Amino acid sequence: MLNQNIVLIGFRGAGKSTFGREMANQLGLPFADLDEEIEFVTGMSIPEYTERFGWQQFREVEQKVAHDFCRNFSGIVASGGGTIENSKNLQNLKKTGKFLFLNPAFRDVRKYLLKDTTRPRLNPDIPLAQEIDQAWDQRKGIYGATGDFEVVPDIKNEDVAGETKRIIEQIPTNVIPRVPQQKRVAIFSSSNGSTLEGLFEAQKRGRIPNVEFCLFVSDSKDAGAVAKAKELGIKDIEIIEPQKGEDKEDYDREIINLLREFKPDFILLAGWMRIFSKLYCDQFGDTTLNAHPSLLPKYSGMKDIEIHQQVLEYEDKYTGATIHRVIPEVDAGDIVVQRKVLVEEHDDVESLKEKVQKQEILGFCEYLEKR
């Protein structure tokens, strides 16, 4: 889909994150800050990452993340100050987005950056003022040449909502992405709730704004996800533990009656350990989505630790996460999203598990935002 994103470009401190988040809020669109998404994927802040691995490796990660958001996202994207210096980032983001150049008065940006000590230095061997001036001279021509539209926001204006409204009024309505439909979503989990927590964190960042988590279900009162569901403020939490000797269909009937009551649009299985019967799948299989920690059909029927061990043993170049619909046969339903992860030399079972689980979260977000 062309023009599915509005990509905010501009110098560091120009307000891309602040105005982008508020634009998304006012327009009812998903929001992604590429710097925040890089921090999510790497598990480190950008200053920590660049200090440990350097700017060149950061730019490689940034390129992968930018490519992801040009293919799998539709909304408002705040780029990093140097994102479009990379020609591949520029080309990829241009394929599916219109560039909005935020160009506030440079004197205001400069004054703000001289007071901001949280940002990673581009060149710590020179004074900060000199670094700012050099970077602006290097980048301002790129911003001007690549921007499809340019606005001059007042970053000193404390009325962010009002200033953002003025920015939106300058954008042609025919390039604003489609607003995703509102969805009621139930989450089922038997595990520790990491994916559940990750979905809520993604929503705080601006992802899946169209989702209301209306119901949480677990088959064990001792599951860690139950405590997390309470902490996250899910209003309706149901613990349905199987009874000894209970028939699978009898258990599923209780689930079916619950879903008929709450009427979710989608049911996400995030570490759900039970296999649903044909009775359940006939009624809710098309709207029930399971996350599996491999690139199905590879390693179907296996669990996460076992899968990651096999990936390392067989020296697979890639692993990943699959989101698929649920049918009575294990891991055999229609695949709706697959997300790859590069297996690196330093990876072990735990690091693969962490990387793949993040892709499960992003896979759920990707699917829900497009519905």
Protein backbone atom coordinates (compact mmCIF):
# COMPACT_ATOMS: atom_id res chain seq x y z
CA MET A 1 0.00 0.00 0.00
CA LEU A 2 1.52 3.35 -1.04
CA ASN A 3 1.44 6.45 1.18
CA GLN A 4 0.45 4.42 4.20
CA ASN A 5 2.72 6.41 6.53
CA ILE A 6 3.45 10.02 7.37
CA VAL A 7 7.14 10.05 8.24
CA LEU A 8 8.35 12.97 10.33
CA ILE A 9 11.86 14.07 9.45
CA GLY A 10 13.99 16.85 10.84
CA PHE A 11 16.89 17.68 13.12
CA ARG A 12 17.21 16.31 16.63
CA GLY A 13 15.12 18.43 18.97
CA ALA A 14 12.70 19.50 16.22
CA GLY A 15 9.76 17.83 17.97
CA LYS A 16 9.33 14.72 15.84
CA SER A 17 8.47 12.50 18.79
CA THR A 18 6.41 15.08 20.68
CA PHE A 19 4.36 16.30 17.73
CA GLY A 20 4.24 12.85 16.11
CA ARG A 21 2.71 11.25 19.19
CA GLU A 22 0.14 14.03 19.48
CA MET A 23 -0.62 13.88 15.73
CA ALA A 24 -1.34 10.18 16.06
CA ASN A 25 -3.51 10.84 19.09
CA GLN A 26 -5.56 13.52 17.34
CA LEU A 27 -5.93 11.49 14.14
CA GLY A 28 -6.60 8.15 15.88
CA LEU A 29 -3.60 6.53 14.17
CA PRO A 30 -0.84 4.18 15.34
CA PHE A 31 2.42 5.92 16.23
CA ALA A 32 5.97 4.61 16.06
CA ASP A 33 9.11 6.39 17.19
CA LEU A 34 11.99 4.63 15.43
CA ASP A 35 14.38 5.40 18.29
CA GLU A 36 11.97 3.86 20.82
CA GLU A 37 11.46 0.82 18.60
CA ILE A 38 15.23 0.35 18.34
CA GLU A 39 15.45 0.47 22.12
CA PHE A 40 12.69 -2.15 22.34
CA VAL A 41 14.43 -4.49 19.89
CA THR A 42 17.91 -4.09 21.39
CA GLY A 43 16.84 -3.92 25.03
CA MET A 44 19.13 -0.89 25.57
CA SER A 45 18.82 2.87 25.48
CA ILE A 46 20.42 4.50 22.44
CA PRO A 47 23.20 6.13 24.51
CA GLU A 48 23.99 2.73 26.05
CA TYR A 49 23.93 0.98 22.67
CA THR A 50 26.09 3.51 20.84
CA GLU A 51 28.60 3.61 23.69
CA ARG A 52 28.87 -0.18 23.65
CA PHE A 53 28.70 -0.93 19.93
CA GLY A 54 29.29 2.39 18.15
CA TRP A 55 27.26 4.46 15.70
CA GLN A 56 27.95 2.24 12.69
CA GLN A 57 26.30 -0.80 14.28
CA PHE A 58 23.46 1.40 15.55
CA ARG A 59 22.81 2.53 11.98
CA GLU A 60 22.63 -1.11 10.87
CA VAL A 61 19.96 -1.84 13.49
CA GLU A 62 18.16 1.38 12.56
CA GLN A 63 18.09 0.28 8.92
CA LYS A 64 16.39 -3.02 9.83
CA VAL A 65 13.83 -1.29 12.03
CA ALA A 66 13.09 1.39 9.41
CA HIS A 67 12.60 -1.31 6.78
CA ASP A 68 10.15 -3.09 9.06
CA PHE A 69 8.06 0.05 9.52
CA CYS A 70 7.94 0.84 5.82
CA ARG A 71 6.49 -2.62 5.12
CA ASN A 72 4.35 -3.55 8.11
CA PHE A 73 2.96 -0.33 9.53
CA SER A 74 0.39 2.33 8.69
CA GLY A 75 0.39 5.50 10.75
CA ILE A 76 2.69 8.25 11.98
CA VAL A 77 6.43 7.47 12.11
CA ALA A 78 8.95 9.69 13.91
CA SER A 79 12.38 9.13 12.41
CA GLY A 80 15.68 9.72 14.15
CA GLY A 81 17.62 12.87 13.35
CA GLY A 82 20.08 10.96 11.17
CA THR A 83 17.78 8.23 9.85
CA ILE A 84 17.48 9.51 6.29
CA GLU A 85 21.21 10.12 5.92
CA ASN A 86 21.25 6.40 5.15
CA SER A 87 20.14 6.13 1.52
CA LYS A 88 18.49 2.74 2.11
CA ASN A 89 16.39 4.17 4.95
CA LEU A 90 15.43 7.06 2.71
CA GLN A 91 14.42 4.80 -0.17
CA ASN A 92 12.53 2.33 2.00
CA LEU A 93 10.58 4.91 3.97
CA LYS A 94 9.75 6.83 0.78
CA LYS A 95 8.21 3.74 -0.80
CA THR A 96 5.24 3.76 1.53
CA GLY A 97 5.32 7.18 3.16
CA LYS A 98 5.13 10.91 2.67
CA PHE A 99 7.86 12.91 4.41
CA LEU A 100 6.82 15.81 6.64
CA PHE A 101 9.82 18.04 7.39
CA LEU A 102 9.52 19.69 10.80
CA ASN A 103 11.70 22.78 10.52
CA PRO A 104 11.41 24.99 13.61
CA ALA A 105 13.67 28.01 14.07
CA PHE A 106 17.18 26.58 14.37
CA ARG A 107 18.14 29.04 17.10
CA ASP A 108 15.37 27.53 19.29
CA VAL A 109 16.49 23.98 18.52
CA ARG A 110 20.12 24.85 19.21
CA LYS A 111 19.28 26.45 22.55
CA TYR A 112 17.23 23.40 23.54
CA LEU A 113 19.94 20.90 22.54
CA LEU A 114 22.65 22.77 24.45
CA LYS A 115 20.62 22.20 27.63
CA ASP A 116 19.74 18.56 26.88
CA THR A 117 22.35 16.22 28.32
CA THR A 118 20.39 12.99 27.70
CA ARG A 119 21.13 12.61 24.00
CA PRO A 120 24.09 10.52 22.77
CA ARG A 121 26.94 12.58 21.39
CA LEU A 122 27.74 12.23 17.70
CA ASN A 123 31.30 13.46 18.17
CA PRO A 124 32.34 13.82 21.82
CA ASP A 125 35.80 15.03 20.78
CA ILE A 126 34.49 18.51 19.91
CA PRO A 127 32.37 21.01 21.89
CA LEU A 128 28.62 20.30 21.83
CA ALA A 129 27.81 23.63 20.17
CA GLN A 130 30.21 22.83 17.33
CA GLU A 131 28.77 19.33 16.99
CA ILE A 132 25.23 20.73 16.69
CA ASP A 133 26.23 23.30 14.06
CA GLN A 134 28.16 20.76 11.99
CA ALA A 135 25.35 18.21 12.05
CA TRP A 136 22.77 20.84 11.05
CA ASP A 137 24.92 22.04 8.16
CA GLN A 138 25.32 18.43 7.02
CA ARG A 139 21.66 17.45 7.28
CA LYS A 140 19.51 20.50 6.53
CA GLY A 141 19.89 20.09 2.78
CA ILE A 142 18.79 16.44 2.97
CA TYR A 143 15.69 17.34 4.98
CA GLY A 144 14.74 20.11 2.57
CA ALA A 145 15.33 18.03 -0.55
CA THR A 146 13.45 14.93 0.62
CA GLY A 147 10.50 16.48 2.46
CA ASP A 148 7.20 16.26 0.61
CA PHE A 149 5.79 18.91 2.93
CA GLU A 150 7.44 21.39 5.30
CA VAL A 151 6.03 23.05 8.40
CA VAL A 152 7.60 25.44 10.88
CA PRO A 153 6.38 24.45 14.34
CA ASP A 154 6.97 26.60 17.38
CA ILE A 155 8.79 24.27 19.78
CA LYS A 156 8.56 26.94 22.51
CA ASN A 157 4.76 26.76 22.44
CA GLU A 158 3.67 24.90 25.57
CA ASP A 159 0.29 24.16 23.98
CA VAL A 160 1.45 21.00 22.20
CA ALA A 161 -2.09 19.97 21.25
CA GLY A 162 -2.81 23.34 19.68
CA GLU A 163 0.51 23.48 17.84
CA THR A 164 -0.04 19.93 16.58
CA LYS A 165 -3.51 20.84 15.33
CA ARG A 166 -1.91 23.63 13.30
CA ILE A 167 0.59 21.15 11.83
CA ILE A 168 -2.17 18.73 10.84
CA GLU A 169 -4.10 21.50 9.11
CA GLN A 170 -1.14 21.96 6.75
CA ILE A 171 -1.11 18.31 5.63
CA PRO A 172 -3.22 17.36 2.56
CA THR A 173 -6.04 15.13 3.75
CA ASN A 174 -5.49 12.63 0.94
CA VAL A 175 -2.13 11.54 2.39
CA ILE A 176 -3.37 10.88 5.92
CA PRO A 177 -3.44 7.10 6.54
CA ARG A 178 -6.66 5.20 7.12
CA VAL A 179 -7.75 4.99 10.74
CA PRO A 180 -7.84 1.35 11.90
CA GLN A 181 -11.16 0.04 13.17
CA GLN A 182 -11.63 -0.25 16.93
CA LYS A 183 -11.29 -3.83 18.18
CA ARG A 184 -12.14 -5.64 21.39
CA VAL A 185 -9.41 -8.16 22.19
CA ALA A 186 -9.25 -11.03 24.69
CA ILE A 187 -5.93 -12.48 25.82
CA PHE A 188 -5.49 -16.09 26.97
CA SER A 189 -2.34 -17.08 28.85
CA SER A 190 -1.10 -19.98 30.98
CA SER A 191 2.42 -18.60 31.35
CA ASN A 192 4.32 -15.72 32.95
CA GLY A 193 2.63 -12.94 30.96
CA SER A 194 5.64 -11.45 29.17
CA THR A 195 3.76 -11.13 25.89
CA LEU A 196 0.73 -9.67 27.68
CA GLU A 197 2.94 -7.07 29.33
CA GLY A 198 4.71 -6.40 26.04
CA LEU A 199 1.41 -5.64 24.29
CA PHE A 200 0.49 -3.08 26.93
CA GLU A 201 3.95 -1.50 26.69
CA ALA A 202 3.57 -1.35 22.90
CA GLN A 203 0.25 0.42 23.33
CA LYS A 204 1.89 2.97 25.64
CA ARG A 205 4.47 3.65 22.90
CA GLY A 206 1.66 4.34 20.43
CA ARG A 207 1.05 0.97 18.82
CA ILE A 208 -2.42 -0.68 18.56
CA PRO A 209 -4.40 2.46 19.58
CA ASN A 210 -7.47 0.74 18.11
CA VAL A 211 -7.41 -2.08 20.69
CA GLU A 212 -9.38 -2.43 23.91
CA PHE A 213 -8.26 -5.37 26.03
CA CYS A 214 -11.68 -6.45 27.22
CA LEU A 215 -10.94 -9.84 28.79
CA PHE A 216 -8.11 -11.93 30.23
CA VAL A 217 -8.43 -15.71 30.64
CA SER A 218 -6.07 -18.19 32.29
CA ASP A 219 -6.39 -21.89 32.98
CA SER A 220 -4.27 -21.58 36.14
CA LYS A 221 -4.69 -19.26 39.11
CA ASP A 222 -0.94 -19.58 39.72
CA ALA A 223 0.13 -18.38 36.27
CA GLY A 224 2.32 -15.29 36.43
CA ALA A 225 0.17 -13.70 33.76
CA VAL A 226 -2.76 -13.48 36.20
CA ALA A 227 -0.87 -11.14 38.50
CA LYS A 228 0.32 -9.08 35.53
CA ALA A 229 -3.22 -8.80 34.16
CA LYS A 230 -4.30 -7.37 37.52
CA GLU A 231 -1.36 -4.96 37.62
CA LEU A 232 -2.14 -3.80 34.09
CA GLY A 233 -5.71 -2.99 35.07
CA ILE A 234 -7.62 -5.47 32.91
CA LYS A 235 -11.10 -5.21 34.38
CA ASP A 236 -12.43 -8.67 33.54
CA ILE A 237 -10.14 -11.54 34.56
CA GLU A 238 -11.42 -15.11 34.41
CA ILE A 239 -9.62 -18.15 35.83
CA ILE A 240 -11.07 -21.32 34.32
CA GLU A 241 -9.15 -24.29 35.64
CA PRO A 242 -9.85 -27.71 34.10
CA GLN A 243 -11.44 -30.25 36.42
CA LYS A 244 -9.97 -33.71 36.88
CA GLY A 245 -11.33 -36.02 34.20
CA GLU A 246 -13.14 -33.18 32.45
CA ASP A 247 -13.75 -33.69 28.72
CA LYS A 248 -11.95 -31.21 26.44
CA GLU A 249 -15.22 -30.18 24.80
CA ASP A 250 -16.89 -29.59 28.17
CA TYR A 251 -14.04 -27.28 29.12
CA ASP A 252 -14.24 -25.50 25.78
CA ARG A 253 -17.99 -24.97 26.18
CA GLU A 254 -17.30 -22.83 29.24
CA ILE A 255 -14.81 -20.81 27.21
CA ILE A 256 -17.27 -20.49 24.33
CA ASN A 257 -20.02 -19.19 26.63
CA LEU A 258 -17.61 -16.65 28.09
CA LEU A 259 -16.63 -15.39 24.64
CA ARG A 260 -20.26 -15.13 23.61
CA GLU A 261 -20.80 -12.89 26.62
CA PHE A 262 -17.83 -10.57 26.00
CA LYS A 263 -17.93 -10.65 22.18
CA PRO A 264 -14.24 -9.96 21.46
CA ASP A 265 -13.25 -9.34 17.84
CA PHE A 266 -10.03 -11.32 18.34
CA ILE A 267 -8.61 -13.75 20.89
CA LEU A 268 -4.83 -13.75 21.31
CA LEU A 269 -3.15 -16.87 22.69
CA ALA A 270 -0.05 -15.57 24.45
CA GLY A 271 1.49 -18.61 26.12
CA TRP A 272 -1.77 -20.59 26.24
CA MET A 273 -0.93 -24.25 26.83
CA ARG A 274 -4.21 -25.97 25.97
CA ILE A 275 -5.22 -27.31 22.55
CA PHE A 276 -8.71 -26.27 21.55
CA SER A 277 -11.27 -28.80 20.33
CA LYS A 278 -13.03 -28.81 16.97
CA LEU A 279 -16.11 -27.49 18.76
CA TYR A 280 -14.21 -24.34 19.76
CA CYS A 281 -12.37 -23.96 16.45
CA ASP A 282 -15.57 -24.20 14.42
CA GLN A 283 -16.91 -21.17 16.25
CA PHE A 284 -13.85 -19.05 17.10
CA GLY A 285 -10.93 -20.49 15.12
CA ASP A 286 -10.94 -17.70 12.52
CA THR A 287 -10.61 -15.01 15.18
CA THR A 288 -8.26 -16.85 17.55
CA LEU A 289 -4.59 -16.16 16.90
CA ASN A 290 -1.70 -18.10 18.38
CA ALA A 291 1.93 -16.97 18.63
CA HIS A 292 4.45 -19.72 17.88
CA PRO A 293 8.21 -19.13 18.42
CA SER A 294 9.45 -20.45 15.08
CA LEU A 295 9.01 -19.89 11.37
CA LEU A 296 6.27 -22.45 10.85
CA PRO A 297 5.98 -25.07 9.51
CA LYS A 298 9.50 -25.52 10.86
CA TYR A 299 9.56 -26.83 14.44
CA SER A 300 5.79 -27.19 14.63
CA GLY A 301 4.52 -29.03 17.70
CA MET A 302 7.56 -28.00 19.76
CA LYS A 303 7.83 -25.49 22.62
CA ASP A 304 10.02 -22.42 22.90
CA ILE A 305 13.13 -23.65 24.73
CA GLU A 306 13.16 -26.85 22.70
CA ILE A 307 12.83 -24.84 19.49
CA HIS A 308 15.64 -22.43 20.34
CA GLN A 309 17.92 -25.35 21.21
CA GLN A 310 17.19 -26.94 17.84
CA VAL A 311 17.80 -23.65 16.01
CA LEU A 312 21.25 -23.42 17.58
CA GLU A 313 22.04 -27.09 17.11
CA TYR A 314 21.16 -27.02 13.41
CA GLU A 315 22.91 -23.64 12.96
CA ASP A 316 19.85 -22.02 11.36
CA LYS A 317 20.60 -18.63 9.88
CA TYR A 318 17.14 -17.31 10.77
CA THR A 319 14.47 -18.06 13.33
CA GLY A 320 11.43 -16.00 14.18
CA ALA A 321 7.81 -15.80 15.24
CA THR A 322 4.61 -16.92 13.53
CA ILE A 323 1.10 -15.67 14.20
CA HIS A 324 -1.46 -18.17 12.93
CA ARG A 325 -5.14 -18.96 13.20
CA VAL A 326 -6.19 -21.86 15.41
CA ILE A 327 -7.47 -25.21 14.21
CA PRO A 328 -7.68 -28.55 16.11
CA GLU A 329 -4.33 -29.67 14.65
CA VAL A 330 -1.36 -28.21 16.50
CA ASP A 331 0.45 -25.26 14.81
CA ALA A 332 -1.30 -25.96 11.50
CA GLY A 333 -3.71 -23.04 11.10
CA ASP A 334 -3.42 -20.37 8.41
CA ILE A 335 -0.37 -18.16 8.88
CA VAL A 336 -1.26 -14.46 9.05
CA VAL A 337 2.10 -12.92 10.08
CA GLN A 338 5.69 -14.15 10.12
CA ARG A 339 8.63 -12.12 11.41
CA LYS A 340 12.26 -13.20 10.98
CA VAL A 341 15.12 -12.92 13.46
CA LEU A 342 18.77 -13.24 12.48
CA VAL A 343 20.61 -15.86 14.53
CA GLU A 344 23.92 -14.28 15.54
CA GLU A 345 27.13 -15.92 16.71
CA HIS A 346 26.73 -14.76 20.30
CA ASP A 347 23.13 -16.01 20.62
CA ASP A 348 22.15 -18.65 23.15
CA VAL A 349 18.77 -20.09 24.10
CA GLU A 350 17.85 -17.21 26.38
CA SER A 351 18.83 -14.46 23.94
CA LEU A 352 16.90 -16.17 21.12
CA LYS A 353 13.87 -16.55 23.35
CA GLU A 354 13.95 -12.84 24.18
CA LYS A 355 14.39 -11.75 20.55
CA VAL A 356 11.67 -14.06 19.24
CA GLN A 357 9.19 -13.06 21.94
CA LYS A 358 9.62 -9.42 20.95
CA GLN A 359 8.72 -10.38 17.38
CA GLU A 360 5.62 -12.19 18.66
CA ILE A 361 4.51 -8.94 20.29
CA LEU A 362 5.24 -6.94 17.13
CA GLY A 363 3.47 -9.61 15.06
CA PHE A 364 0.29 -9.27 17.09
CA CYS A 365 0.52 -5.48 16.78
CA GLU A 366 1.05 -5.67 13.04
CA TYR A 367 -2.01 -7.87 12.55
CA LEU A 368 -4.33 -5.87 14.81
CA GLU A 369 -3.39 -2.47 13.38
CA LYS A 370 -4.27 -3.58 9.88
CA ARG A 371 -7.73 -4.84 10.82
